[in-house]
Amino acid sequence: MGKANELIVLACCVWTCAACAQTAKWQQDMAAARRAAANGDATIAILRDGHDLGKEWPAGAYVFHNNPRPYCYAYRIPGDWYPDRGWFRSKDGRSTASVTFRPPREFGRVPGATMLERGRNAAVAQLERDFHQPMTGVELIPWESSRPGTWRLKFDDILARDGRRVPFPALYVLVDLSPQTVAEVNAFGTADDDHMARQIVETIRTSSDPDCYMAELERMYKAWHGER
């Protein structure tokens, strides 16, 4: 999801001001989404199991980045999730999933002949900072997906705090979205991490349209609040 702050819009939001009370709920949510977009933030909509929005919007965490500078993006993580500092976690805390989009300005400082190579090098550098150790045996291998340009980033075992060597803890997938960016998709502790990552990858979209995904978000909010 990147380092931008996220604006989280949930169905249980309570509005207290008199002016808000005279505005339809979907309009309030859209106003918040436009403010987020203007600030360069993403809007997150969480649809829980049991909602009645139909097949177009199955349960999951929907993320819309509606600022075309440098590009718009959207994706869905299927299932029941809770936002947690750039990640999504299951209610019991055992599963996590995330998508990270690196803006082109980050790649300007990263070596590599292609966007994918720069994405790989940027990801490795970030992981070395996170784990405080060099990542060895780094390998990009084609990853089976309905979307072309999808790769799995593999590593040797890493050193745990107790000194043991343990497998790298999460599935790490790179999606080549040249010329705009490379998306990083992670899944850990789900019933099937590969299946979860594939579902996420299939929903990733980018756009340079000035209106981004505002029309889709408006339709979702209208359906959510019974304004269909």
C-alpha atoms as a PDB file:
ATOM      1  CA  MET A   1       0.000   0.000   0.000  1.00  0.00           C
ATOM      2  CA  GLY A   2       2.993   2.293   0.173  1.00  0.00           C
ATOM      3  CA  LYS A   3       3.876   4.841   2.815  1.00  0.00           C
ATOM      4  CA  ALA A   4       0.930   7.205   2.301  1.00  0.00           C
ATOM      5  CA  ASN A   5      -1.567   7.581   5.090  1.00  0.00           C
ATOM      6  CA  GLU A   6      -4.868   5.834   4.482  1.00  0.00           C
ATOM      7  CA  LEU A   7      -8.341   7.210   5.004  1.00  0.00           C
ATOM      8  CA  ILE A   8     -10.484   4.357   6.324  1.00  0.00           C
ATOM      9  CA  VAL A   9     -14.182   4.527   5.563  1.00  0.00           C
ATOM     10  CA  LEU A  10     -16.284   1.992   7.458  1.00  0.00           C
ATOM     11  CA  ALA A  11     -20.011   1.422   7.516  1.00  0.00           C
ATOM     12  CA  CYS A  12     -20.156   2.163  11.242  1.00  0.00           C
ATOM     13  CA  CYS A  13     -18.914   5.765  10.945  1.00  0.00           C
ATOM     14  CA  VAL A  14     -20.963   8.250  13.037  1.00  0.00           C
ATOM     15  CA  TRP A  15     -21.478  11.833  11.861  1.00  0.00           C
ATOM     16  CA  THR A  16     -22.478  14.394  14.471  1.00  0.00           C
ATOM     17  CA  CYS A  17     -22.510  17.833  12.825  1.00  0.00           C
ATOM     18  CA  ALA A  18     -25.853  19.334  11.762  1.00  0.00           C
ATOM     19  CA  ALA A  19     -24.720  19.928   8.182  1.00  0.00           C
ATOM     20  CA  CYS A  20     -23.682  16.282   7.798  1.00  0.00           C
ATOM     21  CA  ALA A  21     -27.086  15.121   8.979  1.00  0.00           C
ATOM     22  CA  GLN A  22     -28.667  16.839   5.960  1.00  0.00           C
ATOM     23  CA  THR A  23     -26.330  15.156   3.456  1.00  0.00           C
ATOM     24  CA  ALA A  24     -26.791  11.620   2.169  1.00  0.00           C
ATOM     25  CA  LYS A  25     -24.307   9.200   3.726  1.00  0.00           C
ATOM     26  CA  TRP A  26     -22.830   8.217   0.376  1.00  0.00           C
ATOM     27  CA  GLN A  27     -22.204  11.894  -0.373  1.00  0.00           C
ATOM     28  CA  GLN A  28     -20.411  12.288   2.942  1.00  0.00           C
ATOM     29  CA  ASP A  29     -18.224   9.298   2.150  1.00  0.00           C
ATOM     30  CA  MET A  30     -17.460  10.625  -1.331  1.00  0.00           C
ATOM     31  CA  ALA A  31     -16.492  14.008   0.092  1.00  0.00           C
ATOM     32  CA  ALA A  32     -14.080  12.230   2.450  1.00  0.00           C
ATOM     33  CA  ALA A  33     -12.686  10.192  -0.463  1.00  0.00           C
ATOM     34  CA  ARG A  34     -12.083  13.352  -2.502  1.00  0.00           C
ATOM     35  CA  ARG A  35     -10.263  14.971   0.396  1.00  0.00           C
ATOM     36  CA  ALA A  36      -8.108  11.880   0.742  1.00  0.00           C
ATOM     37  CA  ALA A  37      -7.335  11.871  -2.984  1.00  0.00           C
ATOM     38  CA  ALA A  38      -6.362  15.548  -2.909  1.00  0.00           C
ATOM     39  CA  ASN A  39      -3.946  14.753  -0.064  1.00  0.00           C
ATOM     40  CA  GLY A  40      -2.466  11.812  -1.971  1.00  0.00           C
ATOM     41  CA  ASP A  41      -3.975   9.287   0.454  1.00  0.00           C
ATOM     42  CA  ALA A  42      -5.826   6.071  -0.305  1.00  0.00           C
ATOM     43  CA  THR A  43      -9.419   5.312   0.684  1.00  0.00           C
ATOM     44  CA  ILE A  44     -10.131   1.904   2.223  1.00  0.00           C
ATOM     45  CA  ALA A  45     -13.604   0.386   2.238  1.00  0.00           C
ATOM     46  CA  ILE A  46     -14.096  -2.799   4.277  1.00  0.00           C
ATOM     47  CA  LEU A  47     -17.008  -5.005   3.236  1.00  0.00           C
ATOM     48  CA  ARG A  48     -17.678  -7.782   5.732  1.00  0.00           C
ATOM     49  CA  ASP A  49     -19.267 -11.153   5.041  1.00  0.00           C
ATOM     50  CA  GLY A  50     -23.047 -10.947   4.940  1.00  0.00           C
ATOM     51  CA  HIS A  51     -23.349  -7.590   3.180  1.00  0.00           C
ATOM     52  CA  ASP A  52     -25.896  -7.306   0.381  1.00  0.00           C
ATOM     53  CA  LEU A  53     -23.952  -5.509  -2.361  1.00  0.00           C
ATOM     54  CA  GLY A  54     -24.166  -8.463  -4.712  1.00  0.00           C
ATOM     55  CA  LYS A  55     -21.582 -10.111  -6.939  1.00  0.00           C
ATOM     56  CA  GLU A  56     -19.960  -6.878  -8.090  1.00  0.00           C
ATOM     57  CA  TRP A  57     -18.462  -6.199  -4.658  1.00  0.00           C
ATOM     58  CA  PRO A  58     -17.770  -9.425  -2.747  1.00  0.00           C
ATOM     59  CA  ALA A  59     -16.469  -9.228   0.812  1.00  0.00           C
ATOM     60  CA  GLY A  60     -12.972  -7.882   1.240  1.00  0.00           C
ATOM     61  CA  ALA A  61     -10.774  -4.853   1.761  1.00  0.00           C
ATOM     62  CA  TYR A  62     -11.071  -2.433  -1.173  1.00  0.00           C
ATOM     63  CA  VAL A  63      -8.313   0.120  -1.665  1.00  0.00           C
ATOM     64  CA  PHE A  64      -8.665   3.106  -4.026  1.00  0.00           C
ATOM     65  CA  HIS A  65      -5.835   5.573  -4.619  1.00  0.00           C
ATOM     66  CA  ASN A  66      -7.618   8.273  -6.607  1.00  0.00           C
ATOM     67  CA  ASN A  67      -4.798  10.718  -7.267  1.00  0.00           C
ATOM     68  CA  PRO A  68      -3.302  10.497 -10.784  1.00  0.00           C
ATOM     69  CA  ARG A  69      -0.017  12.017  -9.589  1.00  0.00           C
ATOM     70  CA  PRO A  70       1.852   9.845 -10.363  1.00  0.00           C
ATOM     71  CA  TYR A  71      -0.906   7.268 -11.093  1.00  0.00           C
ATOM     72  CA  CYS A  72      -4.160   5.886  -9.692  1.00  0.00           C
ATOM     73  CA  TYR A  73      -4.456   2.341  -8.425  1.00  0.00           C
ATOM     74  CA  ALA A  74      -7.058   0.031  -6.941  1.00  0.00           C
ATOM     75  CA  TYR A  75      -7.172  -3.521  -5.632  1.00  0.00           C
ATOM     76  CA  ARG A  76      -9.114  -5.867  -3.357  1.00  0.00           C
ATOM     77  CA  ILE A  77      -7.930  -8.315  -0.714  1.00  0.00           C
ATOM     78  CA  PRO A  78     -10.698 -10.935  -0.395  1.00  0.00           C
ATOM     79  CA  GLY A  79     -11.868 -11.991   3.038  1.00  0.00           C
ATOM     80  CA  ASP A  80     -12.340 -10.397   6.447  1.00  0.00           C
ATOM     81  CA  TRP A  81      -9.494  -7.955   7.197  1.00  0.00           C
ATOM     82  CA  TYR A  82      -8.522  -5.111   9.501  1.00  0.00           C
ATOM     83  CA  PRO A  83      -6.120  -2.323   8.422  1.00  0.00           C
ATOM     84  CA  ASP A  84      -2.911  -2.259  10.436  1.00  0.00           C
ATOM     85  CA  ARG A  85      -0.173   0.281   9.560  1.00  0.00           C
ATOM     86  CA  GLY A  86       0.028  -0.450   5.855  1.00  0.00           C
ATOM     87  CA  TRP A  87      -0.898  -4.130   6.171  1.00  0.00           C
ATOM     88  CA  PHE A  88      -4.171  -5.974   6.537  1.00  0.00           C
ATOM     89  CA  ARG A  89      -4.517  -8.492   9.358  1.00  0.00           C
ATOM     90  CA  SER A  90      -7.096 -11.140  10.162  1.00  0.00           C
ATOM     91  CA  LYS A  91      -9.145 -10.696  13.330  1.00  0.00           C
ATOM     92  CA  ASP A  92      -7.097 -13.359  15.139  1.00  0.00           C
ATOM     93  CA  GLY A  93      -3.839 -11.740  13.990  1.00  0.00           C
ATOM     94  CA  ARG A  94      -2.513 -14.940  12.415  1.00  0.00           C
ATOM     95  CA  SER A  95      -2.810 -13.886   8.770  1.00  0.00           C
ATOM     96  CA  THR A  96      -1.559 -10.825   6.940  1.00  0.00           C
ATOM     97  CA  ALA A  97      -1.707  -9.512   3.400  1.00  0.00           C
ATOM     98  CA  SER A  98      -0.525  -6.355   1.717  1.00  0.00           C
ATOM     99  CA  VAL A  99       0.082  -4.605  -1.583  1.00  0.00           C
ATOM    100  CA  THR A 100       2.804  -1.968  -1.984  1.00  0.00           C
ATOM    101  CA  PHE A 101       3.109   0.429  -4.918  1.00  0.00           C
ATOM    102  CA  ARG A 102       6.429   2.256  -5.199  1.00  0.00           C
ATOM    103  CA  PRO A 103       6.210   5.635  -6.966  1.00  0.00           C
ATOM    104  CA  PRO A 104       8.570   6.206  -9.933  1.00  0.00           C
ATOM    105  CA  ARG A 105      10.622   8.718  -7.933  1.00  0.00           C
ATOM    106  CA  GLU A 106      11.797   5.875  -5.680  1.00  0.00           C
ATOM    107  CA  PHE A 107      13.124   3.903  -8.641  1.00  0.00           C
ATOM    108  CA  GLY A 108      15.211   6.830  -9.799  1.00  0.00           C
ATOM    109  CA  ARG A 109      17.721   6.016  -7.054  1.00  0.00           C
ATOM    110  CA  VAL A 110      17.634   2.246  -7.536  1.00  0.00           C
ATOM    111  CA  PRO A 111      19.909   0.442 -10.038  1.00  0.00           C
ATOM    112  CA  GLY A 112      18.486  -1.823 -12.736  1.00  0.00           C
ATOM    113  CA  ALA A 113      18.030  -1.938 -16.489  1.00  0.00           C
ATOM    114  CA  THR A 114      14.244  -2.447 -16.326  1.00  0.00           C
ATOM    115  CA  MET A 115      11.388  -1.463 -14.031  1.00  0.00           C
ATOM    116  CA  LEU A 116      11.206  -5.067 -12.803  1.00  0.00           C
ATOM    117  CA  GLU A 117      14.917  -5.148 -11.923  1.00  0.00           C
ATOM    118  CA  ARG A 118      14.614  -1.867 -10.070  1.00  0.00           C
ATOM    119  CA  GLY A 119      11.522  -3.172  -8.265  1.00  0.00           C
ATOM    120  CA  ARG A 120      13.423  -6.287  -7.242  1.00  0.00           C
ATOM    121  CA  ASN A 121      16.400  -4.283  -5.979  1.00  0.00           C
ATOM    122  CA  ALA A 122      14.165  -1.849  -4.093  1.00  0.00           C
ATOM    123  CA  ALA A 123      12.312  -4.735  -2.434  1.00  0.00           C
ATOM    124  CA  VAL A 124      15.544  -6.480  -1.400  1.00  0.00           C
ATOM    125  CA  ALA A 125      16.983  -3.260   0.054  1.00  0.00           C
ATOM    126  CA  GLN A 126      13.802  -2.682   2.083  1.00  0.00           C
ATOM    127  CA  LEU A 127      13.794  -6.267   3.389  1.00  0.00           C
ATOM    128  CA  GLU A 128      17.428  -5.986   4.442  1.00  0.00           C
ATOM    129  CA  ARG A 129      16.523  -2.905   6.452  1.00  0.00           C
ATOM    130  CA  ASP A 130      13.495  -4.649   7.971  1.00  0.00           C
ATOM    131  CA  PHE A 131      15.330  -7.874   8.922  1.00  0.00           C
ATOM    132  CA  HIS A 132      18.687  -6.216   9.712  1.00  0.00           C
ATOM    133  CA  GLN A 133      20.606  -8.773   7.653  1.00  0.00           C
ATOM    134  CA  PRO A 134      21.637  -9.344   4.042  1.00  0.00           C
ATOM    135  CA  MET A 135      19.165 -11.246   1.872  1.00  0.00           C
ATOM    136  CA  THR A 136      21.022 -14.028   0.074  1.00  0.00           C
ATOM    137  CA  GLY A 137      20.052 -16.376  -2.730  1.00  0.00           C
ATOM    138  CA  VAL A 138      17.752 -13.750  -4.189  1.00  0.00           C
ATOM    139  CA  GLU A 139      15.978 -15.084  -7.260  1.00  0.00           C
ATOM    140  CA  LEU A 140      13.134 -13.891  -9.471  1.00  0.00           C
ATOM    141  CA  ILE A 141      11.175 -16.795 -10.929  1.00  0.00           C
ATOM    142  CA  PRO A 142       8.030 -16.728 -13.106  1.00  0.00           C
ATOM    143  CA  TRP A 143       4.940 -17.210 -10.972  1.00  0.00           C
ATOM    144  CA  GLU A 144       1.834 -18.899 -12.316  1.00  0.00           C
ATOM    145  CA  SER A 145      -0.962 -16.364 -12.573  1.00  0.00           C
ATOM    146  CA  SER A 146      -3.658 -15.287 -14.990  1.00  0.00           C
ATOM    147  CA  ARG A 147      -1.842 -11.956 -15.189  1.00  0.00           C
ATOM    148  CA  PRO A 148       1.334 -11.724 -17.294  1.00  0.00           C
ATOM    149  CA  GLY A 149       4.441 -10.136 -15.823  1.00  0.00           C
ATOM    150  CA  THR A 150       4.040 -11.743 -12.390  1.00  0.00           C
ATOM    151  CA  TRP A 151       7.116 -13.028 -10.570  1.00  0.00           C
ATOM    152  CA  ARG A 152       7.931 -14.625  -7.244  1.00  0.00           C
ATOM    153  CA  LEU A 153      10.847 -13.230  -5.280  1.00  0.00           C
ATOM    154  CA  LYS A 154      12.656 -16.035  -3.442  1.00  0.00           C
ATOM    155  CA  PHE A 155      15.387 -15.911  -0.801  1.00  0.00           C
ATOM    156  CA  ASP A 156      17.594 -18.238   1.200  1.00  0.00           C
ATOM    157  CA  ASP A 157      16.616 -18.948   4.783  1.00  0.00           C
ATOM    158  CA  ILE A 158      17.002 -15.968   7.093  1.00  0.00           C
ATOM    159  CA  LEU A 159      18.552 -15.738  10.547  1.00  0.00           C
ATOM    160  CA  ALA A 160      15.979 -15.709  13.359  1.00  0.00           C
ATOM    161  CA  ARG A 161      16.490 -13.883  16.657  1.00  0.00           C
ATOM    162  CA  ASP A 162      17.396 -17.140  18.418  1.00  0.00           C
ATOM    163  CA  GLY A 163      20.140 -17.825  15.876  1.00  0.00           C
ATOM    164  CA  ARG A 164      18.282 -20.492  13.894  1.00  0.00           C
ATOM    165  CA  ARG A 165      17.974 -20.395  10.125  1.00  0.00           C
ATOM    166  CA  VAL A 166      14.307 -20.281   9.138  1.00  0.00           C
ATOM    167  CA  PRO A 167      12.471 -19.996   5.802  1.00  0.00           C
ATOM    168  CA  PHE A 168      11.549 -16.511   4.657  1.00  0.00           C
ATOM    169  CA  PRO A 169       8.192 -16.016   6.415  1.00  0.00           C
ATOM    170  CA  ALA A 170       5.928 -14.679   3.639  1.00  0.00           C
ATOM    171  CA  LEU A 171       5.044 -15.217   0.011  1.00  0.00           C
ATOM    172  CA  TYR A 172       6.540 -12.307  -1.930  1.00  0.00           C
ATOM    173  CA  VAL A 173       5.224 -11.578  -5.440  1.00  0.00           C
ATOM    174  CA  LEU A 174       6.175  -8.777  -7.835  1.00  0.00           C
ATOM    175  CA  VAL A 175       3.816  -7.594 -10.566  1.00  0.00           C
ATOM    176  CA  ASP A 176       5.439  -5.677 -13.434  1.00  0.00           C
ATOM    177  CA  LEU A 177       3.191  -2.703 -14.192  1.00  0.00           C
ATOM    178  CA  SER A 178       5.649  -0.878 -16.445  1.00  0.00           C
ATOM    179  CA  PRO A 179       5.980   1.943 -17.242  1.00  0.00           C
ATOM    180  CA  GLN A 180       4.200   3.096 -14.069  1.00  0.00           C
ATOM    181  CA  THR A 181       5.488   0.905 -11.252  1.00  0.00           C
ATOM    182  CA  VAL A 182       5.991  -2.570  -9.817  1.00  0.00           C
ATOM    183  CA  ALA A 183       3.456  -3.811  -7.273  1.00  0.00           C
ATOM    184  CA  GLU A 184       4.602  -5.941  -4.332  1.00  0.00           C
ATOM    185  CA  VAL A 185       2.051  -8.469  -3.062  1.00  0.00           C
ATOM    186  CA  ASN A 186       2.537 -10.315   0.229  1.00  0.00           C
ATOM    187  CA  ALA A 187       0.519 -13.026   1.937  1.00  0.00           C
ATOM    188  CA  PHE A 188       1.347 -14.825   5.159  1.00  0.00           C
ATOM    189  CA  GLY A 189      -0.486 -17.309   7.368  1.00  0.00           C
ATOM    190  CA  THR A 190      -3.625 -17.635   5.252  1.00  0.00           C
ATOM    191  CA  ALA A 191      -5.222 -20.973   4.435  1.00  0.00           C
ATOM    192  CA  ASP A 192      -3.411 -20.878   1.075  1.00  0.00           C
ATOM    193  CA  ASP A 193      -0.968 -18.005   0.577  1.00  0.00           C
ATOM    194  CA  ASP A 194      -0.496 -18.706  -3.139  1.00  0.00           C
ATOM    195  CA  HIS A 195      -4.238 -18.688  -3.747  1.00  0.00           C
ATOM    196  CA  MET A 196      -4.677 -15.501  -1.716  1.00  0.00           C
ATOM    197  CA  ALA A 197      -1.891 -13.730  -3.619  1.00  0.00           C
ATOM    198  CA  ARG A 198      -3.342 -14.803  -6.974  1.00  0.00           C
ATOM    199  CA  GLN A 199      -6.745 -13.414  -6.040  1.00  0.00           C
ATOM    200  CA  ILE A 200      -5.150 -10.109  -5.049  1.00  0.00           C
ATOM    201  CA  VAL A 201      -3.006  -9.917  -8.191  1.00  0.00           C
ATOM    202  CA  GLU A 202      -6.060 -10.403 -10.397  1.00  0.00           C
ATOM    203  CA  THR A 203      -7.729  -7.311  -8.900  1.00  0.00           C
ATOM    204  CA  ILE A 204      -4.815  -4.857  -9.230  1.00  0.00           C
ATOM    205  CA  ARG A 205      -5.494  -1.945 -11.572  1.00  0.00           C
ATOM    206  CA  THR A 206      -3.651   1.261 -12.425  1.00  0.00           C
ATOM    207  CA  SER A 207      -4.835   4.284 -14.386  1.00  0.00           C
ATOM    208  CA  SER A 208      -3.779   7.789 -15.382  1.00  0.00           C
ATOM    209  CA  ASP A 209      -7.380   8.924 -15.877  1.00  0.00           C
ATOM    210  CA  PRO A 210      -7.887  12.212 -13.943  1.00  0.00           C
ATOM    211  CA  ASP A 211     -11.086  10.868 -12.361  1.00  0.00           C
ATOM    212  CA  CYS A 212      -9.365   7.600 -11.404  1.00  0.00           C
ATOM    213  CA  TYR A 213     -11.860   5.229  -9.756  1.00  0.00           C
ATOM    214  CA  MET A 214     -14.198   7.830  -8.252  1.00  0.00           C
ATOM    215  CA  ALA A 215     -17.193   6.696 -10.319  1.00  0.00           C
ATOM    216  CA  GLU A 216     -16.782   3.115  -9.128  1.00  0.00           C
ATOM    217  CA  LEU A 217     -16.378   4.243  -5.529  1.00  0.00           C
ATOM    218  CA  GLU A 218     -19.529   6.348  -5.798  1.00  0.00           C
ATOM    219  CA  ARG A 219     -21.515   3.364  -7.104  1.00  0.00           C
ATOM    220  CA  MET A 220     -20.200   1.268  -4.210  1.00  0.00           C
ATOM    221  CA  TYR A 221     -21.181   3.853  -1.611  1.00  0.00           C
ATOM    222  CA  LYS A 222     -24.645   4.308  -3.099  1.00  0.00           C
ATOM    223  CA  ALA A 223     -25.204   0.556  -2.998  1.00  0.00           C
ATOM    224  CA  TRP A 224     -23.742   0.384   0.506  1.00  0.00           C
ATOM    225  CA  HIS A 225     -26.141   3.023   1.827  1.00  0.00           C
ATOM    226  CA  GLY A 226     -29.199   1.820  -0.062  1.00  0.00           C
ATOM    227  CA  GLU A 227     -29.203   4.522  -2.749  1.00  0.00           C
ATOM    228  CA  ARG A 228     -29.149   2.162  -5.741  1.00  0.00           C
END
